[in-house]
Amino acid sequence: MMRWVIFDWGGTLMSEEGPLDIPMALWPEVHAIAGARETVEALVKAGRRVAVATNASVSPRNMIEAALGRVDLRDSVSEIFCYSDIGARKDSDEFWRAVLERLEADPAEVAMIGDSVEQDVVAPRRFGINAIWFNEDGRQPPDPRGVPMIRRLPQALALIR
């Protein structure tokens, strides 16, 4: 059973439309991606735990938490895995070893949803983590080897059941 669902932060849960040189929590306006709140709430209601994984280097953990709070997502997120804490990016084995260890989960119990094929799909799949490509813009997959793809976040619910 899928116990954990991990979302990429910028571009998947939250819009990256803002000044990229300051923490997102300090932007004048922040926005959740369409369907993010409903999807996260449905997962939590179904007994899944939700985490965030990000390569953000400008926003440390406390700023990530504050930004999530501004769009009413913070209370639904149980764990945050960020580059600034782990010291490795999502395309590294070190990052995913740290994630699985902290979650105390087998890879088959974890799904990763994100908008970067390399960071959010290819890298976690090397560890046996189920990965779903959030392809909101309908881009052509660089390597369509059976990677589940969604264009809207609520579509992930059917893939995680």
Protein backbone atom coordinates (compact mmCIF):
# COMPACT_ATOMS: atom_id res chain seq x y z
CA MET A 1 0.00 0.00 0.00
CA MET A 2 1.13 3.52 -0.75
CA ARG A 3 1.80 5.10 2.67
CA TRP A 4 3.59 8.27 1.57
CA VAL A 5 3.04 10.71 -1.28
CA ILE A 6 5.85 13.19 -1.83
CA PHE A 7 5.29 16.32 -3.89
CA ASP A 8 7.85 18.56 -5.49
CA TRP A 9 7.36 22.05 -4.04
CA GLY A 10 7.90 24.72 -6.71
CA GLY A 11 6.09 24.10 -9.96
CA THR A 12 4.08 21.20 -8.56
CA LEU A 13 2.41 22.29 -5.30
CA MET A 14 3.12 26.00 -5.57
CA SER A 15 3.54 28.43 -8.44
CA GLU A 16 7.07 29.65 -9.07
CA GLU A 17 5.86 32.97 -10.45
CA GLY A 18 7.73 35.44 -8.31
CA PRO A 19 11.19 36.84 -7.58
CA LEU A 20 13.46 33.78 -7.54
CA ASP A 21 16.21 35.51 -5.56
CA ILE A 22 14.24 35.78 -2.30
CA PRO A 23 12.42 33.07 -0.29
CA MET A 24 8.93 32.34 -1.62
CA ALA A 25 7.42 33.01 1.82
CA LEU A 26 8.47 36.66 1.46
CA TRP A 27 6.89 37.18 -1.97
CA PRO A 28 4.02 39.69 -2.06
CA GLU A 29 1.74 36.94 -3.40
CA VAL A 30 2.03 33.16 -3.39
CA HIS A 31 -0.29 30.69 -5.07
CA ALA A 32 -0.91 26.97 -4.87
CA ILE A 33 -1.07 25.14 -8.18
CA ALA A 34 -4.68 24.48 -9.27
CA GLY A 35 -6.00 21.39 -7.49
CA ALA A 36 -3.13 21.16 -5.00
CA ARG A 37 -5.17 21.68 -1.82
CA GLU A 38 -7.94 19.34 -2.90
CA THR A 39 -5.48 16.63 -3.91
CA VAL A 40 -3.46 16.84 -0.71
CA GLU A 41 -6.60 16.88 1.44
CA ALA A 42 -8.01 13.83 -0.38
CA LEU A 43 -4.76 11.92 0.14
CA VAL A 44 -4.68 12.73 3.86
CA LYS A 45 -8.34 11.78 4.21
CA ALA A 46 -7.56 8.44 2.53
CA GLY A 47 -4.87 7.74 5.13
CA ARG A 48 -1.80 8.72 3.12
CA ARG A 49 0.92 10.87 4.60
CA VAL A 50 2.16 13.79 2.53
CA ALA A 51 5.70 15.13 2.23
CA VAL A 52 7.49 17.76 0.17
CA ALA A 53 10.85 17.30 -1.58
CA THR A 54 12.64 20.30 -3.03
CA ASN A 55 15.95 21.44 -4.43
CA ALA A 56 15.19 25.00 -3.33
CA SER A 57 18.35 26.78 -2.29
CA VAL A 58 16.95 30.26 -1.56
CA SER A 59 14.21 29.02 0.80
CA PRO A 60 15.32 27.11 3.90
CA ARG A 61 12.89 24.79 5.71
CA ASN A 62 11.26 27.50 7.86
CA MET A 63 10.56 29.60 4.74
CA ILE A 64 9.14 26.56 2.93
CA GLU A 65 6.84 25.94 5.91
CA ALA A 66 5.77 29.60 5.93
CA ALA A 67 5.02 29.58 2.19
CA LEU A 68 2.99 26.37 2.54
CA GLY A 69 1.10 28.00 5.40
CA ARG A 70 0.18 30.99 3.22
CA VAL A 71 -1.75 28.65 0.88
CA ASP A 72 -3.23 26.45 3.65
CA LEU A 73 -1.06 23.41 2.88
CA ARG A 74 1.30 23.35 5.87
CA ASP A 75 -0.96 21.39 8.24
CA SER A 76 -1.34 18.57 5.71
CA VAL A 77 2.41 18.10 5.14
CA SER A 78 4.09 15.70 7.56
CA GLU A 79 7.68 15.94 6.29
CA ILE A 80 9.78 18.38 4.28
CA PHE A 81 12.95 17.23 2.54
CA CYS A 82 15.02 20.10 1.25
CA TYR A 83 18.38 20.53 -0.38
CA SER A 84 19.52 22.91 2.37
CA ASP A 85 18.98 20.24 5.07
CA ILE A 86 20.18 17.15 3.23
CA GLY A 87 23.04 18.81 1.35
CA ALA A 88 22.19 16.91 -1.82
CA ARG A 89 19.83 17.44 -4.72
CA LYS A 90 16.90 15.22 -5.72
CA ASP A 91 18.87 13.69 -8.59
CA SER A 92 21.37 12.18 -6.14
CA ASP A 93 21.23 8.81 -4.41
CA GLU A 94 22.12 10.54 -1.14
CA PHE A 95 18.88 12.55 -1.22
CA TRP A 96 16.61 9.52 -1.71
CA ARG A 97 18.48 7.39 0.85
CA ALA A 98 17.89 10.17 3.40
CA VAL A 99 14.20 10.41 2.45
CA LEU A 100 13.53 6.67 2.74
CA GLU A 101 15.43 6.45 6.01
CA ARG A 102 13.53 9.33 7.61
CA LEU A 103 10.17 8.01 6.36
CA GLU A 104 11.03 4.51 7.59
CA ALA A 105 9.39 3.28 4.40
CA ASP A 106 10.09 0.78 1.68
CA PRO A 107 10.32 2.35 -1.78
CA ALA A 108 7.14 0.53 -2.87
CA GLU A 109 5.22 2.45 -0.16
CA VAL A 110 6.23 5.84 -1.57
CA ALA A 111 5.07 7.88 -4.58
CA MET A 112 6.79 11.01 -5.87
CA ILE A 113 4.91 13.61 -7.93
CA GLY A 114 6.79 16.39 -9.66
CA ASP A 115 7.26 18.48 -12.77
CA SER A 116 10.91 17.63 -13.48
CA VAL A 117 11.46 14.37 -15.33
CA GLU A 118 15.07 14.03 -14.15
CA GLN A 119 14.65 15.22 -10.55
CA ASP A 120 11.16 13.93 -9.73
CA VAL A 121 10.79 10.83 -11.92
CA VAL A 122 14.07 9.31 -13.08
CA ALA A 123 16.02 9.75 -9.82
CA PRO A 124 13.38 8.35 -7.41
CA ARG A 125 12.63 5.47 -9.80
CA ARG A 126 16.26 4.35 -9.43
CA PHE A 127 15.33 3.56 -5.82
CA GLY A 128 12.08 1.78 -6.69
CA ILE A 129 9.92 4.74 -5.72
CA ASN A 130 6.74 5.11 -7.75
CA ALA A 131 7.02 8.33 -9.72
CA ILE A 132 4.36 10.39 -11.48
CA TRP A 133 5.28 13.17 -13.88
CA PHE A 134 3.19 16.31 -13.37
CA ASN A 135 3.18 17.63 -16.92
CA GLU A 136 0.75 20.53 -16.67
CA ASP A 137 1.87 22.03 -19.99
CA GLY A 138 1.54 18.80 -21.99
CA ARG A 139 5.22 18.66 -22.96
CA GLN A 140 6.44 15.69 -24.99
CA PRO A 141 8.05 13.12 -22.68
CA PRO A 142 11.80 12.85 -23.30
CA ASP A 143 11.66 9.10 -22.77
CA PRO A 144 8.15 7.66 -22.63
CA ARG A 145 9.12 4.39 -20.89
CA GLY A 146 5.85 3.87 -19.12
CA VAL A 147 6.15 6.90 -16.85
CA PRO A 148 2.70 7.76 -15.51
CA MET A 149 1.86 11.33 -16.46
CA ILE A 150 -0.83 13.71 -15.23
CA ARG A 151 -1.80 17.18 -16.46
CA ARG A 152 -3.79 18.14 -13.34
CA LEU A 153 -2.91 17.21 -9.75
CA PRO A 154 -6.26 15.56 -8.89
CA GLN A 155 -5.54 12.99 -11.60
CA ALA A 156 -2.87 11.56 -9.29
CA LEU A 157 -5.55 10.23 -6.93
CA ALA A 158 -6.57 7.50 -9.38
CA LEU A 159 -2.94 6.44 -9.84
CA ILE A 160 -2.24 6.22 -6.10
CA ARG A 161 -5.27 4.15 -5.11
